[in-house]
Amino acid sequence: MVSLAPTRPSGDFQALLEPLLALAQQGRELTGSVVDKFSGAGREHKLVRFHFAGPPAGHDPIQLGLFAGVHGDEPTGSAALVEFLTALAATPARAAGYELWAYPVVNPSGYHAGTRETCTGKDLNREFWRDSTEPEIRMIEAELLARRFDGLVTLHADDTCEGLYGYSHGQTLDEMLLGPALTAAEGVLPRDRRAVIDGFSAREGVICDCFKGILAPPPGQNPRPFNLIFETPARAPFTAQVAAMVAALDTIIARYRGFIAHAQYL
């Protein structure tokens, strides 16, 4: 697959999203819109959302939320979402039965500056569901409440890890999706198999615990959606990280579709 996403980190928000904006103008499976705008550090920022509607699959569409760029200095996740959606536009059957809602840059001011934090100095991944006044948090929380996703996937890059890993939050379904996603991505990058990763106990690259205030489903949502965090080693080649993330996303949607199909016969 030819990469249409940037091949190296860039603070150019418009250049990052250009492939998706061009596809959205065709008005087919992919559409794009601005969730809202806000001002900070002397410039206007906007949170952009893309919606991909896959072909029907004999059941109600599965609603997934895909997030990247929560930390502005982790552009690989943003580029991976662009590449993933661009590839789906060429072969939409891969997303049969899905409605995918993608937010490639949750932290636009940090992305522009190349910083982990926002222009106000906040780490957004410690602010969710804590009555935060940060505009990005308010926007994403409103999206999570309104759309009641069946599942969430957030992409990150960690400059302290030795390979691929992820957070399952101790949920069985999350582990059943995350394990195969890590295996698929191992075709590109190695897995981090240390017993302790990011300060948490880990098993074969899967962490059950997590930090407080991360991007997560609304506290009262029931039934609880799956919620995966997928991490690549930030010091690995940029294009390899993107390829690993795309492989993981492909595996997650294929595997979860299988669970839904099986549930119909229970």
C-alpha atoms as a PDB file:
ATOM      1  CA  MET A   1       0.000   0.000   0.000  1.00  0.00           C
ATOM      2  CA  VAL A   2       1.377   3.416  -0.935  1.00  0.00           C
ATOM      3  CA  SER A   3       1.467   5.820   2.001  1.00  0.00           C
ATOM      4  CA  LEU A   4      -0.465   9.038   1.440  1.00  0.00           C
ATOM      5  CA  ALA A   5       0.209  10.287   4.973  1.00  0.00           C
ATOM      6  CA  PRO A   6       3.217  12.424   5.910  1.00  0.00           C
ATOM      7  CA  THR A   7       6.413  10.372   6.195  1.00  0.00           C
ATOM      8  CA  ARG A   8       7.876  12.396   9.054  1.00  0.00           C
ATOM      9  CA  PRO A   9       6.580  14.594  11.899  1.00  0.00           C
ATOM     10  CA  SER A  10       5.112  17.903  10.818  1.00  0.00           C
ATOM     11  CA  GLY A  11       3.253  20.697  12.554  1.00  0.00           C
ATOM     12  CA  ASP A  12       1.345  21.502   9.372  1.00  0.00           C
ATOM     13  CA  PHE A  13      -2.203  20.533  10.331  1.00  0.00           C
ATOM     14  CA  GLN A  14      -3.624  21.213   6.877  1.00  0.00           C
ATOM     15  CA  ALA A  15      -0.962  19.155   5.104  1.00  0.00           C
ATOM     16  CA  LEU A  16      -1.596  16.207   7.412  1.00  0.00           C
ATOM     17  CA  LEU A  17      -5.328  16.135   6.683  1.00  0.00           C
ATOM     18  CA  GLU A  18      -5.171  17.017   2.982  1.00  0.00           C
ATOM     19  CA  PRO A  19      -5.615  13.420   1.708  1.00  0.00           C
ATOM     20  CA  LEU A  20      -8.778  13.003   3.796  1.00  0.00           C
ATOM     21  CA  LEU A  21     -10.139  16.442   2.955  1.00  0.00           C
ATOM     22  CA  ALA A  22      -9.721  15.676  -0.749  1.00  0.00           C
ATOM     23  CA  LEU A  23     -11.568  12.364  -0.383  1.00  0.00           C
ATOM     24  CA  ALA A  24     -14.312  13.959   1.719  1.00  0.00           C
ATOM     25  CA  GLN A  25     -15.032  16.423  -1.090  1.00  0.00           C
ATOM     26  CA  GLN A  26     -16.055  13.470  -3.273  1.00  0.00           C
ATOM     27  CA  GLY A  27     -18.995  12.863  -0.919  1.00  0.00           C
ATOM     28  CA  ARG A  28     -18.890   9.068  -0.905  1.00  0.00           C
ATOM     29  CA  GLU A  29     -18.122   6.872   2.145  1.00  0.00           C
ATOM     30  CA  LEU A  30     -15.911   9.481   3.811  1.00  0.00           C
ATOM     31  CA  THR A  31     -17.075  12.884   5.038  1.00  0.00           C
ATOM     32  CA  GLY A  32     -15.362  15.479   7.189  1.00  0.00           C
ATOM     33  CA  SER A  33     -16.456  18.304   9.453  1.00  0.00           C
ATOM     34  CA  VAL A  34     -15.187  20.675  12.109  1.00  0.00           C
ATOM     35  CA  VAL A  35     -16.433  19.784  15.592  1.00  0.00           C
ATOM     36  CA  ASP A  36     -15.618  23.255  16.896  1.00  0.00           C
ATOM     37  CA  LYS A  37     -12.954  25.942  17.022  1.00  0.00           C
ATOM     38  CA  PHE A  38     -11.089  27.641  19.837  1.00  0.00           C
ATOM     39  CA  SER A  39      -8.319  30.190  20.260  1.00  0.00           C
ATOM     40  CA  GLY A  40      -5.004  29.751  22.015  1.00  0.00           C
ATOM     41  CA  ALA A  41      -1.401  30.957  21.801  1.00  0.00           C
ATOM     42  CA  GLY A  42      -2.447  33.729  19.408  1.00  0.00           C
ATOM     43  CA  ARG A  43      -4.053  31.525  16.759  1.00  0.00           C
ATOM     44  CA  GLU A  44      -7.292  29.731  16.001  1.00  0.00           C
ATOM     45  CA  HIS A  45      -7.405  25.957  16.360  1.00  0.00           C
ATOM     46  CA  LYS A  46     -10.040  23.487  15.230  1.00  0.00           C
ATOM     47  CA  LEU A  47     -10.967  19.942  16.130  1.00  0.00           C
ATOM     48  CA  VAL A  48     -11.699  17.988  12.941  1.00  0.00           C
ATOM     49  CA  ARG A  49     -13.816  14.826  12.723  1.00  0.00           C
ATOM     50  CA  PHE A  50     -14.034  12.351   9.839  1.00  0.00           C
ATOM     51  CA  HIS A  51     -16.855   9.841   9.369  1.00  0.00           C
ATOM     52  CA  PHE A  52     -16.458   6.677   7.299  1.00  0.00           C
ATOM     53  CA  ALA A  53     -19.593   4.621   6.561  1.00  0.00           C
ATOM     54  CA  GLY A  54     -18.791   1.087   5.476  1.00  0.00           C
ATOM     55  CA  PRO A  55     -21.143  -1.051   3.362  1.00  0.00           C
ATOM     56  CA  PRO A  56     -24.116  -2.706   5.151  1.00  0.00           C
ATOM     57  CA  ALA A  57     -23.425  -6.066   6.785  1.00  0.00           C
ATOM     58  CA  GLY A  58     -26.813  -7.361   7.969  1.00  0.00           C
ATOM     59  CA  HIS A  59     -26.696  -5.740  11.402  1.00  0.00           C
ATOM     60  CA  ASP A  60     -26.877  -2.274  12.892  1.00  0.00           C
ATOM     61  CA  PRO A  61     -23.666  -0.366  12.110  1.00  0.00           C
ATOM     62  CA  ILE A  62     -20.926  -0.765  14.697  1.00  0.00           C
ATOM     63  CA  GLN A  63     -19.942   2.687  15.930  1.00  0.00           C
ATOM     64  CA  LEU A  64     -16.234   3.069  16.643  1.00  0.00           C
ATOM     65  CA  GLY A  65     -14.326   6.133  17.806  1.00  0.00           C
ATOM     66  CA  LEU A  66     -10.710   6.367  16.630  1.00  0.00           C
ATOM     67  CA  PHE A  67      -8.455   8.949  18.265  1.00  0.00           C
ATOM     68  CA  ALA A  68      -4.887  10.176  17.785  1.00  0.00           C
ATOM     69  CA  GLY A  69      -2.796  13.235  18.513  1.00  0.00           C
ATOM     70  CA  VAL A  70      -3.882  13.475  22.149  1.00  0.00           C
ATOM     71  CA  HIS A  71      -0.242  14.389  22.724  1.00  0.00           C
ATOM     72  CA  GLY A  72       0.949  16.864  20.122  1.00  0.00           C
ATOM     73  CA  ASP A  73       4.462  15.421  19.910  1.00  0.00           C
ATOM     74  CA  GLU A  74       3.154  12.000  18.779  1.00  0.00           C
ATOM     75  CA  PRO A  75       2.300  12.629  15.107  1.00  0.00           C
ATOM     76  CA  THR A  76       2.601   8.983  14.062  1.00  0.00           C
ATOM     77  CA  GLY A  77      -0.886   8.180  15.349  1.00  0.00           C
ATOM     78  CA  SER A  78      -2.349  11.089  13.418  1.00  0.00           C
ATOM     79  CA  ALA A  79      -0.590   9.981  10.230  1.00  0.00           C
ATOM     80  CA  ALA A  80      -1.740   6.383  10.808  1.00  0.00           C
ATOM     81  CA  LEU A  81      -5.399   7.413  11.003  1.00  0.00           C
ATOM     82  CA  VAL A  82      -5.021   9.369   7.777  1.00  0.00           C
ATOM     83  CA  GLU A  83      -3.443   6.374   6.045  1.00  0.00           C
ATOM     84  CA  PHE A  84      -5.994   3.926   7.485  1.00  0.00           C
ATOM     85  CA  LEU A  85      -8.993   5.944   6.286  1.00  0.00           C
ATOM     86  CA  THR A  86      -7.397   6.640   2.920  1.00  0.00           C
ATOM     87  CA  ALA A  87      -6.914   2.895   2.380  1.00  0.00           C
ATOM     88  CA  LEU A  88     -10.501   2.175   3.442  1.00  0.00           C
ATOM     89  CA  ALA A  89     -11.762   4.669   0.866  1.00  0.00           C
ATOM     90  CA  ALA A  90     -10.053   2.558  -1.799  1.00  0.00           C
ATOM     91  CA  THR A  91     -11.427  -0.740  -0.418  1.00  0.00           C
ATOM     92  CA  PRO A  92     -14.553   0.123   1.635  1.00  0.00           C
ATOM     93  CA  ALA A  93     -15.580  -3.527   2.045  1.00  0.00           C
ATOM     94  CA  ARG A  94     -12.883  -3.820   4.711  1.00  0.00           C
ATOM     95  CA  ALA A  95     -15.119  -1.658   6.908  1.00  0.00           C
ATOM     96  CA  ALA A  96     -18.390  -3.466   6.135  1.00  0.00           C
ATOM     97  CA  GLY A  97     -20.849  -3.064   8.983  1.00  0.00           C
ATOM     98  CA  TYR A  98     -18.982  -0.157  10.549  1.00  0.00           C
ATOM     99  CA  GLU A  99     -19.379   3.553  11.047  1.00  0.00           C
ATOM    100  CA  LEU A 100     -15.981   4.921  11.980  1.00  0.00           C
ATOM    101  CA  TRP A 101     -15.634   8.321  13.614  1.00  0.00           C
ATOM    102  CA  ALA A 102     -12.008   9.460  13.479  1.00  0.00           C
ATOM    103  CA  TYR A 103     -10.364  12.361  15.295  1.00  0.00           C
ATOM    104  CA  PRO A 104      -6.798  12.488  13.923  1.00  0.00           C
ATOM    105  CA  VAL A 105      -5.611  15.448  16.034  1.00  0.00           C
ATOM    106  CA  VAL A 106      -7.267  15.718  19.440  1.00  0.00           C
ATOM    107  CA  ASN A 107      -4.647  18.264  20.533  1.00  0.00           C
ATOM    108  CA  PRO A 108      -4.296  20.681  17.585  1.00  0.00           C
ATOM    109  CA  SER A 109      -2.360  23.372  19.473  1.00  0.00           C
ATOM    110  CA  GLY A 110       0.159  20.805  20.720  1.00  0.00           C
ATOM    111  CA  TYR A 111       0.419  19.291  17.245  1.00  0.00           C
ATOM    112  CA  HIS A 112       1.210  22.705  15.771  1.00  0.00           C
ATOM    113  CA  ALA A 113       3.873  23.376  18.411  1.00  0.00           C
ATOM    114  CA  GLY A 114       5.226  19.812  18.535  1.00  0.00           C
ATOM    115  CA  THR A 115       4.604  19.570  22.275  1.00  0.00           C
ATOM    116  CA  ARG A 116       3.012  16.876  24.407  1.00  0.00           C
ATOM    117  CA  GLU A 117       0.848  19.447  26.189  1.00  0.00           C
ATOM    118  CA  THR A 118      -1.645  21.961  24.850  1.00  0.00           C
ATOM    119  CA  CYS A 119      -0.911  25.659  24.421  1.00  0.00           C
ATOM    120  CA  THR A 120      -2.143  26.095  28.015  1.00  0.00           C
ATOM    121  CA  GLY A 121       0.339  23.530  29.310  1.00  0.00           C
ATOM    122  CA  LYS A 122      -2.181  20.746  29.948  1.00  0.00           C
ATOM    123  CA  ASP A 123      -1.639  17.041  29.333  1.00  0.00           C
ATOM    124  CA  LEU A 124      -5.041  16.186  27.856  1.00  0.00           C
ATOM    125  CA  ASN A 125      -4.650  12.529  28.760  1.00  0.00           C
ATOM    126  CA  ARG A 126      -4.982  13.385  32.425  1.00  0.00           C
ATOM    127  CA  GLU A 127      -8.036  15.654  32.023  1.00  0.00           C
ATOM    128  CA  PHE A 128     -10.936  13.468  30.847  1.00  0.00           C
ATOM    129  CA  TRP A 129     -14.046  13.186  33.024  1.00  0.00           C
ATOM    130  CA  ARG A 130     -12.532  15.457  35.681  1.00  0.00           C
ATOM    131  CA  ASP A 131     -14.633  18.581  35.048  1.00  0.00           C
ATOM    132  CA  SER A 132     -11.867  20.029  32.905  1.00  0.00           C
ATOM    133  CA  THR A 133     -12.383  23.437  31.338  1.00  0.00           C
ATOM    134  CA  GLU A 134      -9.966  22.715  28.465  1.00  0.00           C
ATOM    135  CA  PRO A 135     -11.852  23.250  25.169  1.00  0.00           C
ATOM    136  CA  GLU A 136     -10.457  20.087  23.582  1.00  0.00           C
ATOM    137  CA  ILE A 137     -11.687  18.011  26.514  1.00  0.00           C
ATOM    138  CA  ARG A 138     -15.150  19.581  26.398  1.00  0.00           C
ATOM    139  CA  MET A 139     -15.419  18.841  22.673  1.00  0.00           C
ATOM    140  CA  ILE A 140     -14.290  15.211  22.860  1.00  0.00           C
ATOM    141  CA  GLU A 141     -16.379  14.485  25.949  1.00  0.00           C
ATOM    142  CA  ALA A 142     -19.429  15.852  24.129  1.00  0.00           C
ATOM    143  CA  GLU A 143     -18.665  13.560  21.183  1.00  0.00           C
ATOM    144  CA  LEU A 144     -18.307  10.554  23.484  1.00  0.00           C
ATOM    145  CA  LEU A 145     -21.602  11.327  25.216  1.00  0.00           C
ATOM    146  CA  ALA A 146     -23.517  11.956  22.006  1.00  0.00           C
ATOM    147  CA  ARG A 147     -22.261   8.989  19.971  1.00  0.00           C
ATOM    148  CA  ARG A 148     -22.092   6.286  22.658  1.00  0.00           C
ATOM    149  CA  PHE A 149     -19.457   4.372  20.724  1.00  0.00           C
ATOM    150  CA  ASP A 150     -19.372   0.576  20.737  1.00  0.00           C
ATOM    151  CA  GLY A 151     -15.609   0.763  20.981  1.00  0.00           C
ATOM    152  CA  LEU A 152     -12.722   3.215  21.252  1.00  0.00           C
ATOM    153  CA  VAL A 153      -9.161   2.959  19.967  1.00  0.00           C
ATOM    154  CA  THR A 154      -6.558   5.578  20.848  1.00  0.00           C
ATOM    155  CA  LEU A 155      -3.140   5.643  19.189  1.00  0.00           C
ATOM    156  CA  HIS A 156      -0.024   6.802  21.031  1.00  0.00           C
ATOM    157  CA  ALA A 157       3.773   6.667  20.673  1.00  0.00           C
ATOM    158  CA  ASP A 158       6.024   6.182  23.727  1.00  0.00           C
ATOM    159  CA  ASP A 159       9.648   7.335  23.681  1.00  0.00           C
ATOM    160  CA  THR A 160      10.521   5.192  26.723  1.00  0.00           C
ATOM    161  CA  CYS A 161       9.330   1.784  25.492  1.00  0.00           C
ATOM    162  CA  GLU A 162      11.275  -0.973  23.739  1.00  0.00           C
ATOM    163  CA  GLY A 163       8.494  -2.049  21.370  1.00  0.00           C
ATOM    164  CA  LEU A 164       4.758  -2.337  20.819  1.00  0.00           C
ATOM    165  CA  TYR A 165       2.368  -2.549  23.748  1.00  0.00           C
ATOM    166  CA  GLY A 166      -1.126  -1.529  24.772  1.00  0.00           C
ATOM    167  CA  TYR A 167      -3.632  -0.995  27.562  1.00  0.00           C
ATOM    168  CA  SER A 168      -6.610  -3.337  27.986  1.00  0.00           C
ATOM    169  CA  HIS A 169      -7.907  -1.853  31.268  1.00  0.00           C
ATOM    170  CA  GLY A 170      -8.349  -5.383  32.598  1.00  0.00           C
ATOM    171  CA  GLN A 171     -11.330  -6.108  30.339  1.00  0.00           C
ATOM    172  CA  THR A 172     -11.553  -9.531  28.690  1.00  0.00           C
ATOM    173  CA  LEU A 173     -12.879  -8.251  25.353  1.00  0.00           C
ATOM    174  CA  ASP A 174     -10.175  -5.589  25.241  1.00  0.00           C
ATOM    175  CA  GLU A 175      -7.492  -8.242  25.705  1.00  0.00           C
ATOM    176  CA  MET A 176      -9.097 -10.456  23.033  1.00  0.00           C
ATOM    177  CA  LEU A 177      -8.792  -7.567  20.570  1.00  0.00           C
ATOM    178  CA  LEU A 178      -5.476  -6.137  21.701  1.00  0.00           C
ATOM    179  CA  GLY A 179      -3.552  -9.434  21.605  1.00  0.00           C
ATOM    180  CA  PRO A 180      -4.196 -10.098  17.887  1.00  0.00           C
ATOM    181  CA  ALA A 181      -3.585  -6.406  17.098  1.00  0.00           C
ATOM    182  CA  LEU A 182      -0.139  -6.609  18.708  1.00  0.00           C
ATOM    183  CA  THR A 183       0.583  -9.848  16.859  1.00  0.00           C
ATOM    184  CA  ALA A 184      -0.356  -8.278  13.512  1.00  0.00           C
ATOM    185  CA  ALA A 185       1.772  -5.210  14.194  1.00  0.00           C
ATOM    186  CA  GLU A 186       4.737  -7.430  15.092  1.00  0.00           C
ATOM    187  CA  GLY A 187       5.118  -7.993  11.383  1.00  0.00           C
ATOM    188  CA  VAL A 188       6.550  -4.463  11.368  1.00  0.00           C
ATOM    189  CA  LEU A 189       7.986  -3.764  14.831  1.00  0.00           C
ATOM    190  CA  PRO A 190       8.869  -5.937  17.854  1.00  0.00           C
ATOM    191  CA  ARG A 191       6.663  -6.208  20.916  1.00  0.00           C
ATOM    192  CA  ASP A 192       7.772  -4.866  24.301  1.00  0.00           C
ATOM    193  CA  ARG A 193       7.791  -7.968  26.507  1.00  0.00           C
ATOM    194  CA  ARG A 194       9.138  -6.431  29.718  1.00  0.00           C
ATOM    195  CA  ALA A 195       7.357  -7.206  32.982  1.00  0.00           C
ATOM    196  CA  VAL A 196       7.001  -3.488  33.733  1.00  0.00           C
ATOM    197  CA  ILE A 197       6.136  -0.920  31.046  1.00  0.00           C
ATOM    198  CA  ASP A 198       5.364   2.747  31.628  1.00  0.00           C
ATOM    199  CA  GLY A 199       5.427   2.060  35.372  1.00  0.00           C
ATOM    200  CA  PHE A 200       2.734  -0.663  35.207  1.00  0.00           C
ATOM    201  CA  SER A 201       2.850  -4.447  35.375  1.00  0.00           C
ATOM    202  CA  ALA A 202       2.627  -5.930  31.882  1.00  0.00           C
ATOM    203  CA  ARG A 203       2.221  -9.363  30.329  1.00  0.00           C
ATOM    204  CA  GLU A 204       3.267  -9.910  26.727  1.00  0.00           C
ATOM    205  CA  GLY A 205       2.870  -6.205  26.024  1.00  0.00           C
ATOM    206  CA  VAL A 206      -0.597  -5.924  27.606  1.00  0.00           C
ATOM    207  CA  ILE A 207      -1.179  -3.610  30.576  1.00  0.00           C
ATOM    208  CA  CYS A 208      -4.345  -3.896  32.661  1.00  0.00           C
ATOM    209  CA  ASP A 209      -3.977  -0.786  34.827  1.00  0.00           C
ATOM    210  CA  CYS A 210      -3.781   2.788  33.543  1.00  0.00           C
ATOM    211  CA  PHE A 211      -3.380   6.445  34.439  1.00  0.00           C
ATOM    212  CA  LYS A 212      -6.317   8.502  35.681  1.00  0.00           C
ATOM    213  CA  GLY A 213      -7.983  11.013  33.390  1.00  0.00           C
ATOM    214  CA  ILE A 214      -7.217   9.264  30.093  1.00  0.00           C
ATOM    215  CA  LEU A 215      -9.476   9.459  27.046  1.00  0.00           C
ATOM    216  CA  ALA A 216     -12.185   6.916  27.912  1.00  0.00           C
ATOM    217  CA  PRO A 217     -15.917   6.210  27.512  1.00  0.00           C
ATOM    218  CA  PRO A 218     -18.361   8.225  29.637  1.00  0.00           C
ATOM    219  CA  PRO A 219     -18.331   6.847  33.208  1.00  0.00           C
ATOM    220  CA  GLY A 220     -22.024   5.915  33.104  1.00  0.00           C
ATOM    221  CA  GLN A 221     -22.139   4.314  29.656  1.00  0.00           C
ATOM    222  CA  ASN A 222     -23.770   0.882  29.720  1.00  0.00           C
ATOM    223  CA  PRO A 223     -23.090  -1.536  28.151  1.00  0.00           C
ATOM    224  CA  ARG A 224     -19.451  -0.645  28.451  1.00  0.00           C
ATOM    225  CA  PRO A 225     -17.677  -0.325  25.080  1.00  0.00           C
ATOM    226  CA  PHE A 226     -14.275  -1.816  24.475  1.00  0.00           C
ATOM    227  CA  ASN A 227     -11.483   0.689  24.990  1.00  0.00           C
ATOM    228  CA  LEU A 228      -7.994   0.044  23.620  1.00  0.00           C
ATOM    229  CA  ILE A 229      -4.836   2.121  23.766  1.00  0.00           C
ATOM    230  CA  PHE A 230      -2.210   1.048  21.241  1.00  0.00           C
ATOM    231  CA  GLU A 231       1.372   2.261  21.668  1.00  0.00           C
ATOM    232  CA  THR A 232       4.331   2.199  19.305  1.00  0.00           C
ATOM    233  CA  PRO A 233       7.985   2.908  20.208  1.00  0.00           C
ATOM    234  CA  ALA A 234       8.457   6.573  19.326  1.00  0.00           C
ATOM    235  CA  ARG A 235      12.147   6.092  18.520  1.00  0.00           C
ATOM    236  CA  ALA A 236      11.341   3.563  15.772  1.00  0.00           C
ATOM    237  CA  PRO A 237      11.202   4.752  12.136  1.00  0.00           C
ATOM    238  CA  PHE A 238       8.179   6.953  11.516  1.00  0.00           C
ATOM    239  CA  THR A 239       6.855   4.933   8.583  1.00  0.00           C
ATOM    240  CA  ALA A 240       7.239   1.672  10.516  1.00  0.00           C
ATOM    241  CA  GLN A 241       5.181   3.053  13.387  1.00  0.00           C
ATOM    242  CA  VAL A 242       2.453   4.144  10.972  1.00  0.00           C
ATOM    243  CA  ALA A 243       2.417   0.720   9.308  1.00  0.00           C
ATOM    244  CA  ALA A 244       2.209  -1.032  12.691  1.00  0.00           C
ATOM    245  CA  MET A 245      -0.722   1.129  13.771  1.00  0.00           C
ATOM    246  CA  VAL A 246      -2.593   0.534  10.495  1.00  0.00           C
ATOM    247  CA  ALA A 247      -2.056  -3.224  10.841  1.00  0.00           C
ATOM    248  CA  ALA A 248      -3.421  -3.051  14.386  1.00  0.00           C
ATOM    249  CA  LEU A 249      -6.516  -1.102  13.315  1.00  0.00           C
ATOM    250  CA  ASP A 250      -7.223  -3.507  10.461  1.00  0.00           C
ATOM    251  CA  THR A 251      -7.010  -6.425  12.867  1.00  0.00           C
ATOM    252  CA  ILE A 252      -9.237  -4.822  15.494  1.00  0.00           C
ATOM    253  CA  ILE A 253     -12.108  -4.121  13.095  1.00  0.00           C
ATOM    254  CA  ALA A 254     -11.839  -7.587  11.516  1.00  0.00           C
ATOM    255  CA  ARG A 255     -11.720  -9.344  14.892  1.00  0.00           C
ATOM    256  CA  TYR A 256     -14.570  -7.335  16.455  1.00  0.00           C
ATOM    257  CA  ARG A 257     -16.770  -7.917  13.410  1.00  0.00           C
ATOM    258  CA  GLY A 258     -16.242 -11.633  14.020  1.00  0.00           C
ATOM    259  CA  PHE A 259     -17.405 -11.291  17.625  1.00  0.00           C
ATOM    260  CA  ILE A 260     -20.559  -9.497  16.493  1.00  0.00           C
ATOM    261  CA  ALA A 261     -21.302 -12.152  13.870  1.00  0.00           C
ATOM    262  CA  HIS A 262     -20.819 -14.917  16.440  1.00  0.00           C
ATOM    263  CA  ALA A 263     -23.088 -13.137  18.958  1.00  0.00           C
ATOM    264  CA  GLN A 264     -25.955 -13.222  16.460  1.00  0.00           C
ATOM    265  CA  TYR A 265     -26.049 -17.007  16.768  1.00  0.00           C
ATOM    266  CA  LEU A 266     -25.872 -17.212  20.560  1.00  0.00           C
END
